């Protein structure tokens, strides 16, 4: 005869429900797979966005899908290209098996809109650090600016900012720079497809930039100032597109206060 059940300690399934059959215990709900286009807020890191999305995906799973073998389930989420904290705009977030195409997405063209202040430099080439004023007796003309920008279009040798994630002797350049160490970075070849002037009112210049992977917009601002004999640092930067994904279709970060499910994701590109 089967052993009697202890009424003081009955077997239970998920959430105190009836016991699960062996086959049901093995059926773990799949993690969603697809892409999200997110409008990264100012001062957020790209990894902050990833963490926010991962939490929303976890809450989109049924309770029995959030843990495996009694442990918190690992949910793969990654981004297809870092965007600096002081920049806003498009970050592509890959969920589940879509993380396998992160490298492919990172190789697609990017589009940015940037505001450059030509009256000063900064150590980080953006507004993170203090201004180093540059005395400019005669502001450059629009024609001079156009000519200097044309020199940065094409395949160009570009030196990354010292406050960047580039590796130098086994550590990130920005960590060495913040520790007060001298940082010397080598130029690397990047592809800049176009730089179009949107507005110029001394000392501010607004530009639209289309470029390939690994291009630093902060370096474009710095190098422009050096070419003109002025200053040059970014005061604003917004990424408006990654490949065919644009800011117009991007989701605000508040959206991820709510769960994310499979039907909320974009399919993988062909």
C-alpha atoms as a PDB file:
ATOM      1  CA  UNK A   1       0.000   0.000   0.000  1.00  0.00           C
ATOM      2  CA  UNK A   2       1.228   3.503  -0.669  1.00  0.00           C
ATOM      3  CA  UNK A   3       2.527   5.489   2.284  1.00  0.00           C
ATOM      4  CA  UNK A   4      -0.008   7.789   3.853  1.00  0.00           C
ATOM      5  CA  UNK A   5       0.418  11.511   3.300  1.00  0.00           C
ATOM      6  CA  UNK A   6       1.325  13.654   6.266  1.00  0.00           C
ATOM      7  CA  UNK A   7      -1.556  16.150   6.493  1.00  0.00           C
ATOM      8  CA  UNK A   8       0.684  18.625   8.322  1.00  0.00           C
ATOM      9  CA  UNK A   9       3.213  18.741   5.482  1.00  0.00           C
ATOM     10  CA  UNK A  10       1.456  18.161   2.158  1.00  0.00           C
ATOM     11  CA  UNK A  11       3.477  18.165  -1.085  1.00  0.00           C
ATOM     12  CA  UNK A  12       3.071  21.299  -3.133  1.00  0.00           C
ATOM     13  CA  UNK A  13       3.886  22.684  -6.536  1.00  0.00           C
ATOM     14  CA  UNK A  14       4.791  26.293  -7.551  1.00  0.00           C
ATOM     15  CA  UNK A  15       3.235  29.006  -5.359  1.00  0.00           C
ATOM     16  CA  UNK A  16       1.868  26.376  -2.968  1.00  0.00           C
ATOM     17  CA  UNK A  17      -0.317  24.788  -5.658  1.00  0.00           C
ATOM     18  CA  UNK A  18      -0.777  21.092  -6.347  1.00  0.00           C
ATOM     19  CA  UNK A  19       2.335  18.968  -6.931  1.00  0.00           C
ATOM     20  CA  UNK A  20       3.689  19.064 -10.468  1.00  0.00           C
ATOM     21  CA  UNK A  21       3.936  15.998 -12.623  1.00  0.00           C
ATOM     22  CA  UNK A  22       7.523  14.993 -13.563  1.00  0.00           C
ATOM     23  CA  UNK A  23       7.004  16.081 -17.177  1.00  0.00           C
ATOM     24  CA  UNK A  24       5.661  19.475 -16.086  1.00  0.00           C
ATOM     25  CA  UNK A  25       8.673  20.015 -13.816  1.00  0.00           C
ATOM     26  CA  UNK A  26      10.937  19.862 -16.868  1.00  0.00           C
ATOM     27  CA  UNK A  27       8.920  22.338 -18.920  1.00  0.00           C
ATOM     28  CA  UNK A  28      10.657  25.666 -18.257  1.00  0.00           C
ATOM     29  CA  UNK A  29       9.144  28.647 -20.121  1.00  0.00           C
ATOM     30  CA  UNK A  30      11.485  29.946 -22.808  1.00  0.00           C
ATOM     31  CA  UNK A  31      13.219  33.301 -22.429  1.00  0.00           C
ATOM     32  CA  UNK A  32      11.944  35.734 -25.082  1.00  0.00           C
ATOM     33  CA  UNK A  33      14.174  36.310 -28.107  1.00  0.00           C
ATOM     34  CA  UNK A  34      14.365  39.557 -30.053  1.00  0.00           C
ATOM     35  CA  UNK A  35      15.402  43.203 -30.049  1.00  0.00           C
ATOM     36  CA  UNK A  36      14.373  46.400 -28.306  1.00  0.00           C
ATOM     37  CA  UNK A  37      15.188  49.925 -29.445  1.00  0.00           C
ATOM     38  CA  UNK A  38      15.643  52.043 -26.331  1.00  0.00           C
ATOM     39  CA  UNK A  39      16.052  55.815 -25.991  1.00  0.00           C
ATOM     40  CA  UNK A  40      18.835  55.992 -23.392  1.00  0.00           C
ATOM     41  CA  UNK A  41      18.356  58.843 -20.928  1.00  0.00           C
ATOM     42  CA  UNK A  42      21.035  61.335 -19.987  1.00  0.00           C
ATOM     43  CA  UNK A  43      23.524  60.090 -17.347  1.00  0.00           C
ATOM     44  CA  UNK A  44      22.479  56.454 -17.740  1.00  0.00           C
ATOM     45  CA  UNK A  45      25.133  53.997 -18.876  1.00  0.00           C
ATOM     46  CA  UNK A  46      24.343  51.447 -21.563  1.00  0.00           C
ATOM     47  CA  UNK A  47      24.656  48.730 -18.910  1.00  0.00           C
ATOM     48  CA  UNK A  48      22.095  50.563 -16.768  1.00  0.00           C
ATOM     49  CA  UNK A  49      19.693  50.179 -19.694  1.00  0.00           C
ATOM     50  CA  UNK A  50      20.549  46.471 -20.011  1.00  0.00           C
ATOM     51  CA  UNK A  51      19.862  45.907 -16.310  1.00  0.00           C
ATOM     52  CA  UNK A  52      16.521  47.696 -16.556  1.00  0.00           C
ATOM     53  CA  UNK A  53      15.455  45.617 -19.558  1.00  0.00           C
ATOM     54  CA  UNK A  54      16.623  42.352 -17.938  1.00  0.00           C
ATOM     55  CA  UNK A  55      14.455  43.067 -14.908  1.00  0.00           C
ATOM     56  CA  UNK A  56      11.425  43.767 -17.134  1.00  0.00           C
ATOM     57  CA  UNK A  57      12.007  40.544 -19.090  1.00  0.00           C
ATOM     58  CA  UNK A  58      12.267  38.561 -15.849  1.00  0.00           C
ATOM     59  CA  UNK A  59       8.963  39.991 -14.645  1.00  0.00           C
ATOM     60  CA  UNK A  60       7.403  39.087 -17.981  1.00  0.00           C
ATOM     61  CA  UNK A  61       8.056  35.398 -17.335  1.00  0.00           C
ATOM     62  CA  UNK A  62       5.534  33.290 -15.419  1.00  0.00           C
ATOM     63  CA  UNK A  63       6.646  32.624 -11.819  1.00  0.00           C
ATOM     64  CA  UNK A  64       7.850  29.101 -12.629  1.00  0.00           C
ATOM     65  CA  UNK A  65      10.145  30.552 -15.323  1.00  0.00           C
ATOM     66  CA  UNK A  66      12.046  32.933 -13.073  1.00  0.00           C
ATOM     67  CA  UNK A  67      13.931  30.215 -11.196  1.00  0.00           C
ATOM     68  CA  UNK A  68      15.623  27.010 -12.340  1.00  0.00           C
ATOM     69  CA  UNK A  69      16.553  24.281  -9.867  1.00  0.00           C
ATOM     70  CA  UNK A  70      15.795  26.679  -7.043  1.00  0.00           C
ATOM     71  CA  UNK A  71      18.162  29.364  -8.328  1.00  0.00           C
ATOM     72  CA  UNK A  72      17.478  32.710  -9.909  1.00  0.00           C
ATOM     73  CA  UNK A  73      17.438  32.091 -13.644  1.00  0.00           C
ATOM     74  CA  UNK A  74      20.110  33.698 -15.791  1.00  0.00           C
ATOM     75  CA  UNK A  75      18.553  35.797 -18.543  1.00  0.00           C
ATOM     76  CA  UNK A  76      20.837  36.868 -21.373  1.00  0.00           C
ATOM     77  CA  UNK A  77      20.512  40.528 -22.291  1.00  0.00           C
ATOM     78  CA  UNK A  78      23.144  42.674 -24.015  1.00  0.00           C
ATOM     79  CA  UNK A  79      23.516  45.926 -25.916  1.00  0.00           C
ATOM     80  CA  UNK A  80      24.837  46.438 -29.430  1.00  0.00           C
ATOM     81  CA  UNK A  81      27.124  49.406 -28.880  1.00  0.00           C
ATOM     82  CA  UNK A  82      28.018  51.581 -25.884  1.00  0.00           C
ATOM     83  CA  UNK A  83      26.664  55.107 -25.613  1.00  0.00           C
ATOM     84  CA  UNK A  84      28.412  57.488 -23.204  1.00  0.00           C
ATOM     85  CA  UNK A  85      26.509  58.544 -20.044  1.00  0.00           C
ATOM     86  CA  UNK A  86      26.377  62.168 -21.235  1.00  0.00           C
ATOM     87  CA  UNK A  87      24.813  61.089 -24.542  1.00  0.00           C
ATOM     88  CA  UNK A  88      21.209  60.147 -25.223  1.00  0.00           C
ATOM     89  CA  UNK A  89      19.445  58.188 -27.923  1.00  0.00           C
ATOM     90  CA  UNK A  90      19.376  54.812 -29.575  1.00  0.00           C
ATOM     91  CA  UNK A  91      20.686  51.746 -27.759  1.00  0.00           C
ATOM     92  CA  UNK A  92      19.799  48.387 -29.315  1.00  0.00           C
ATOM     93  CA  UNK A  93      19.149  45.789 -26.618  1.00  0.00           C
ATOM     94  CA  UNK A  94      19.292  42.100 -27.550  1.00  0.00           C
ATOM     95  CA  UNK A  95      17.289  39.630 -25.473  1.00  0.00           C
ATOM     96  CA  UNK A  96      17.779  35.872 -25.159  1.00  0.00           C
ATOM     97  CA  UNK A  97      19.304  34.133 -28.171  1.00  0.00           C
ATOM     98  CA  UNK A  98      19.380  37.478 -29.988  1.00  0.00           C
ATOM     99  CA  UNK A  99      22.565  38.248 -28.031  1.00  0.00           C
ATOM    100  CA  UNK A 100      24.354  36.075 -30.602  1.00  0.00           C
ATOM    101  CA  UNK A 101      24.035  38.869 -33.189  1.00  0.00           C
ATOM    102  CA  UNK A 102      25.373  41.674 -30.983  1.00  0.00           C
ATOM    103  CA  UNK A 103      28.643  41.847 -32.948  1.00  0.00           C
ATOM    104  CA  UNK A 104      26.792  42.013 -36.258  1.00  0.00           C
ATOM    105  CA  UNK A 105      24.611  44.885 -35.061  1.00  0.00           C
ATOM    106  CA  UNK A 106      27.645  46.719 -33.682  1.00  0.00           C
ATOM    107  CA  UNK A 107      29.106  46.687 -37.172  1.00  0.00           C
ATOM    108  CA  UNK A 108      26.210  48.656 -38.671  1.00  0.00           C
ATOM    109  CA  UNK A 109      26.368  52.390 -39.442  1.00  0.00           C
ATOM    110  CA  UNK A 110      25.442  54.943 -36.768  1.00  0.00           C
ATOM    111  CA  UNK A 111      23.933  58.422 -36.980  1.00  0.00           C
ATOM    112  CA  UNK A 112      24.372  61.206 -34.433  1.00  0.00           C
ATOM    113  CA  UNK A 113      23.414  64.813 -33.836  1.00  0.00           C
ATOM    114  CA  UNK A 114      26.022  66.718 -31.847  1.00  0.00           C
ATOM    115  CA  UNK A 115      26.563  70.194 -30.437  1.00  0.00           C
ATOM    116  CA  UNK A 116      30.181  71.384 -30.274  1.00  0.00           C
ATOM    117  CA  UNK A 117      31.509  74.357 -28.314  1.00  0.00           C
ATOM    118  CA  UNK A 118      34.478  75.852 -30.165  1.00  0.00           C
ATOM    119  CA  UNK A 119      35.579  78.199 -27.377  1.00  0.00           C
ATOM    120  CA  UNK A 120      37.221  75.609 -25.073  1.00  0.00           C
ATOM    121  CA  UNK A 121      38.654  72.119 -24.698  1.00  0.00           C
ATOM    122  CA  UNK A 122      38.098  69.661 -21.842  1.00  0.00           C
ATOM    123  CA  UNK A 123      40.131  66.683 -20.626  1.00  0.00           C
ATOM    124  CA  UNK A 124      37.338  64.281 -21.599  1.00  0.00           C
ATOM    125  CA  UNK A 125      36.378  66.097 -24.841  1.00  0.00           C
ATOM    126  CA  UNK A 126      32.844  66.474 -23.467  1.00  0.00           C
ATOM    127  CA  UNK A 127      31.096  68.313 -20.629  1.00  0.00           C
ATOM    128  CA  UNK A 128      32.198  65.831 -17.939  1.00  0.00           C
ATOM    129  CA  UNK A 129      35.307  67.860 -17.106  1.00  0.00           C
ATOM    130  CA  UNK A 130      36.079  71.541 -16.605  1.00  0.00           C
ATOM    131  CA  UNK A 131      36.478  73.877 -19.556  1.00  0.00           C
ATOM    132  CA  UNK A 132      39.951  74.924 -20.644  1.00  0.00           C
ATOM    133  CA  UNK A 133      39.268  78.277 -22.274  1.00  0.00           C
ATOM    134  CA  UNK A 134      40.855  79.113 -25.635  1.00  0.00           C
ATOM    135  CA  UNK A 135      41.338  82.738 -26.667  1.00  0.00           C
ATOM    136  CA  UNK A 136      40.007  83.142 -30.202  1.00  0.00           C
ATOM    137  CA  UNK A 137      40.604  86.585 -31.688  1.00  0.00           C
ATOM    138  CA  UNK A 138      38.536  85.967 -34.837  1.00  0.00           C
ATOM    139  CA  UNK A 139      35.924  83.180 -34.889  1.00  0.00           C
ATOM    140  CA  UNK A 140      36.202  80.834 -37.889  1.00  0.00           C
ATOM    141  CA  UNK A 141      33.865  81.318 -40.821  1.00  0.00           C
ATOM    142  CA  UNK A 142      31.357  78.751 -41.963  1.00  0.00           C
ATOM    143  CA  UNK A 143      33.561  78.067 -44.986  1.00  0.00           C
ATOM    144  CA  UNK A 144      36.569  77.355 -42.766  1.00  0.00           C
ATOM    145  CA  UNK A 145      34.494  74.995 -40.634  1.00  0.00           C
ATOM    146  CA  UNK A 146      33.206  73.151 -43.712  1.00  0.00           C
ATOM    147  CA  UNK A 147      36.737  72.731 -45.018  1.00  0.00           C
ATOM    148  CA  UNK A 148      38.026  71.423 -41.680  1.00  0.00           C
ATOM    149  CA  UNK A 149      35.140  68.956 -41.363  1.00  0.00           C
ATOM    150  CA  UNK A 150      35.779  67.596 -44.866  1.00  0.00           C
ATOM    151  CA  UNK A 151      39.232  66.537 -43.671  1.00  0.00           C
ATOM    152  CA  UNK A 152      37.541  64.199 -41.204  1.00  0.00           C
ATOM    153  CA  UNK A 153      35.334  62.414 -43.727  1.00  0.00           C
ATOM    154  CA  UNK A 154      36.377  59.059 -45.176  1.00  0.00           C
ATOM    155  CA  UNK A 155      38.785  56.540 -43.678  1.00  0.00           C
ATOM    156  CA  UNK A 156      40.633  58.631 -41.097  1.00  0.00           C
ATOM    157  CA  UNK A 157      43.172  58.008 -38.341  1.00  0.00           C
ATOM    158  CA  UNK A 158      41.458  59.000 -35.105  1.00  0.00           C
ATOM    159  CA  UNK A 159      42.895  59.078 -31.586  1.00  0.00           C
ATOM    160  CA  UNK A 160      40.273  58.050 -28.988  1.00  0.00           C
ATOM    161  CA  UNK A 161      39.638  60.330 -25.976  1.00  0.00           C
ATOM    162  CA  UNK A 162      41.803  59.512 -22.968  1.00  0.00           C
ATOM    163  CA  UNK A 163      38.595  59.134 -20.961  1.00  0.00           C
ATOM    164  CA  UNK A 164      37.361  56.163 -22.978  1.00  0.00           C
ATOM    165  CA  UNK A 165      36.996  52.411 -22.610  1.00  0.00           C
ATOM    166  CA  UNK A 166      40.016  51.645 -24.805  1.00  0.00           C
ATOM    167  CA  UNK A 167      42.432  49.190 -23.183  1.00  0.00           C
ATOM    168  CA  UNK A 168      45.875  50.512 -22.266  1.00  0.00           C
ATOM    169  CA  UNK A 169      48.365  48.110 -20.683  1.00  0.00           C
ATOM    170  CA  UNK A 170      45.625  45.865 -19.360  1.00  0.00           C
ATOM    171  CA  UNK A 171      43.235  48.492 -18.046  1.00  0.00           C
ATOM    172  CA  UNK A 172      40.635  50.885 -19.372  1.00  0.00           C
ATOM    173  CA  UNK A 173      42.036  54.254 -20.426  1.00  0.00           C
ATOM    174  CA  UNK A 174      39.492  56.185 -18.357  1.00  0.00           C
ATOM    175  CA  UNK A 175      40.530  54.345 -15.178  1.00  0.00           C
ATOM    176  CA  UNK A 176      44.178  55.274 -15.727  1.00  0.00           C
ATOM    177  CA  UNK A 177      43.224  58.879 -16.534  1.00  0.00           C
ATOM    178  CA  UNK A 178      41.068  59.193 -13.415  1.00  0.00           C
ATOM    179  CA  UNK A 179      43.944  57.826 -11.349  1.00  0.00           C
ATOM    180  CA  UNK A 180      46.107  60.679 -12.625  1.00  0.00           C
ATOM    181  CA  UNK A 181      48.284  58.475 -14.825  1.00  0.00           C
ATOM    182  CA  UNK A 182      49.598  59.729 -18.160  1.00  0.00           C
ATOM    183  CA  UNK A 183      47.586  58.127 -20.954  1.00  0.00           C
ATOM    184  CA  UNK A 184      48.850  57.934 -24.525  1.00  0.00           C
ATOM    185  CA  UNK A 185      46.539  56.335 -27.066  1.00  0.00           C
ATOM    186  CA  UNK A 186      47.357  55.298 -30.601  1.00  0.00           C
ATOM    187  CA  UNK A 187      45.305  56.405 -33.568  1.00  0.00           C
ATOM    188  CA  UNK A 188      43.029  53.851 -35.166  1.00  0.00           C
ATOM    189  CA  UNK A 189      41.338  53.915 -38.547  1.00  0.00           C
ATOM    190  CA  UNK A 190      37.623  54.701 -38.475  1.00  0.00           C
ATOM    191  CA  UNK A 191      35.073  55.343 -41.208  1.00  0.00           C
ATOM    192  CA  UNK A 192      33.174  58.637 -41.216  1.00  0.00           C
ATOM    193  CA  UNK A 193      30.621  58.777 -44.018  1.00  0.00           C
ATOM    194  CA  UNK A 194      29.372  62.360 -43.680  1.00  0.00           C
ATOM    195  CA  UNK A 195      29.387  65.409 -41.405  1.00  0.00           C
ATOM    196  CA  UNK A 196      26.692  67.992 -42.166  1.00  0.00           C
ATOM    197  CA  UNK A 197      26.429  71.372 -40.438  1.00  0.00           C
ATOM    198  CA  UNK A 198      22.942  72.030 -39.062  1.00  0.00           C
ATOM    199  CA  UNK A 199      23.601  75.358 -37.341  1.00  0.00           C
ATOM    200  CA  UNK A 200      26.550  77.613 -36.578  1.00  0.00           C
ATOM    201  CA  UNK A 201      26.378  80.543 -34.187  1.00  0.00           C
ATOM    202  CA  UNK A 202      29.710  81.214 -32.571  1.00  0.00           C
ATOM    203  CA  UNK A 203      30.834  79.445 -30.454  1.00  0.00           C
ATOM    204  CA  UNK A 204      28.230  76.692 -30.949  1.00  0.00           C
ATOM    205  CA  UNK A 205      28.162  74.339 -33.900  1.00  0.00           C
ATOM    206  CA  UNK A 206      25.492  71.694 -34.478  1.00  0.00           C
ATOM    207  CA  UNK A 207      26.309  68.818 -36.819  1.00  0.00           C
ATOM    208  CA  UNK A 208      24.810  65.566 -38.068  1.00  0.00           C
ATOM    209  CA  UNK A 209      27.292  62.705 -38.389  1.00  0.00           C
ATOM    210  CA  UNK A 210      27.038  59.326 -40.104  1.00  0.00           C
ATOM    211  CA  UNK A 211      29.857  56.924 -39.326  1.00  0.00           C
ATOM    212  CA  UNK A 212      30.987  53.356 -38.814  1.00  0.00           C
ATOM    213  CA  UNK A 213      31.872  51.316 -35.778  1.00  0.00           C
ATOM    214  CA  UNK A 214      34.409  52.622 -33.285  1.00  0.00           C
ATOM    215  CA  UNK A 215      34.119  56.307 -34.186  1.00  0.00           C
ATOM    216  CA  UNK A 216      34.338  58.734 -31.267  1.00  0.00           C
ATOM    217  CA  UNK A 217      32.232  61.841 -31.823  1.00  0.00           C
ATOM    218  CA  UNK A 218      34.144  63.510 -28.986  1.00  0.00           C
ATOM    219  CA  UNK A 219      37.329  63.072 -31.010  1.00  0.00           C
ATOM    220  CA  UNK A 220      35.701  64.745 -34.023  1.00  0.00           C
ATOM    221  CA  UNK A 221      34.925  67.783 -31.839  1.00  0.00           C
ATOM    222  CA  UNK A 222      38.457  67.900 -30.420  1.00  0.00           C
ATOM    223  CA  UNK A 223      40.145  67.439 -33.800  1.00  0.00           C
ATOM    224  CA  UNK A 224      37.955  70.122 -35.375  1.00  0.00           C
ATOM    225  CA  UNK A 225      39.050  72.611 -32.744  1.00  0.00           C
ATOM    226  CA  UNK A 226      42.695  71.715 -33.255  1.00  0.00           C
ATOM    227  CA  UNK A 227      42.363  72.165 -37.020  1.00  0.00           C
ATOM    228  CA  UNK A 228      40.661  75.548 -36.638  1.00  0.00           C
ATOM    229  CA  UNK A 229      42.955  76.866 -33.905  1.00  0.00           C
ATOM    230  CA  UNK A 230      39.974  77.128 -31.557  1.00  0.00           C
ATOM    231  CA  UNK A 231      38.582  74.950 -28.802  1.00  0.00           C
ATOM    232  CA  UNK A 232      36.368  71.947 -29.438  1.00  0.00           C
ATOM    233  CA  UNK A 233      34.347  69.750 -27.093  1.00  0.00           C
ATOM    234  CA  UNK A 234      30.903  68.147 -27.068  1.00  0.00           C
ATOM    235  CA  UNK A 235      28.159  69.792 -25.068  1.00  0.00           C
ATOM    236  CA  UNK A 236      25.382  67.512 -26.341  1.00  0.00           C
ATOM    237  CA  UNK A 237      25.248  64.211 -28.216  1.00  0.00           C
ATOM    238  CA  UNK A 238      22.265  62.204 -29.381  1.00  0.00           C
ATOM    239  CA  UNK A 239      22.445  58.954 -31.336  1.00  0.00           C
ATOM    240  CA  UNK A 240      19.578  58.969 -33.790  1.00  0.00           C
ATOM    241  CA  UNK A 241      20.099  55.631 -35.539  1.00  0.00           C
ATOM    242  CA  UNK A 242      21.884  52.285 -35.382  1.00  0.00           C
ATOM    243  CA  UNK A 243      21.613  50.617 -38.758  1.00  0.00           C
ATOM    244  CA  UNK A 244      17.957  50.738 -39.775  1.00  0.00           C
ATOM    245  CA  UNK A 245      16.738  51.288 -36.184  1.00  0.00           C
ATOM    246  CA  UNK A 246      15.928  54.927 -35.456  1.00  0.00           C
ATOM    247  CA  UNK A 247      15.143  57.064 -32.447  1.00  0.00           C
ATOM    248  CA  UNK A 248      11.595  57.563 -33.724  1.00  0.00           C
ATOM    249  CA  UNK A 249      10.821  53.929 -32.894  1.00  0.00           C
ATOM    250  CA  UNK A 250      12.745  53.920 -29.615  1.00  0.00           C
ATOM    251  CA  UNK A 251      11.025  53.190 -26.296  1.00  0.00           C
ATOM    252  CA  UNK A 252      11.361  55.533 -23.334  1.00  0.00           C
ATOM    253  CA  UNK A 253      13.035  54.008 -20.287  1.00  0.00           C
ATOM    254  CA  UNK A 254       9.818  54.314 -18.265  1.00  0.00           C
ATOM    255  CA  UNK A 255       8.308  51.632 -20.479  1.00  0.00           C
ATOM    256  CA  UNK A 256      10.433  49.070 -18.648  1.00  0.00           C
ATOM    257  CA  UNK A 257       8.638  49.622 -15.376  1.00  0.00           C
ATOM    258  CA  UNK A 258       6.233  47.131 -16.957  1.00  0.00           C
ATOM    259  CA  UNK A 259       6.989  43.497 -17.906  1.00  0.00           C
ATOM    260  CA  UNK A 260       8.486  42.661 -21.308  1.00  0.00           C
ATOM    261  CA  UNK A 261       7.189  39.593 -23.135  1.00  0.00           C
ATOM    262  CA  UNK A 262       7.889  37.962 -26.482  1.00  0.00           C
ATOM    263  CA  UNK A 263       5.236  40.013 -28.275  1.00  0.00           C
ATOM    264  CA  UNK A 264       6.968  43.232 -27.180  1.00  0.00           C
ATOM    265  CA  UNK A 265      10.204  42.408 -29.024  1.00  0.00           C
ATOM    266  CA  UNK A 266      11.239  43.161 -32.562  1.00  0.00           C
ATOM    267  CA  UNK A 267      12.236  40.121 -34.653  1.00  0.00           C
ATOM    268  CA  UNK A 268      15.854  39.533 -35.585  1.00  0.00           C
ATOM    269  CA  UNK A 269      16.939  41.111 -38.882  1.00  0.00           C
ATOM    270  CA  UNK A 270      17.239  38.748 -41.817  1.00  0.00           C
END
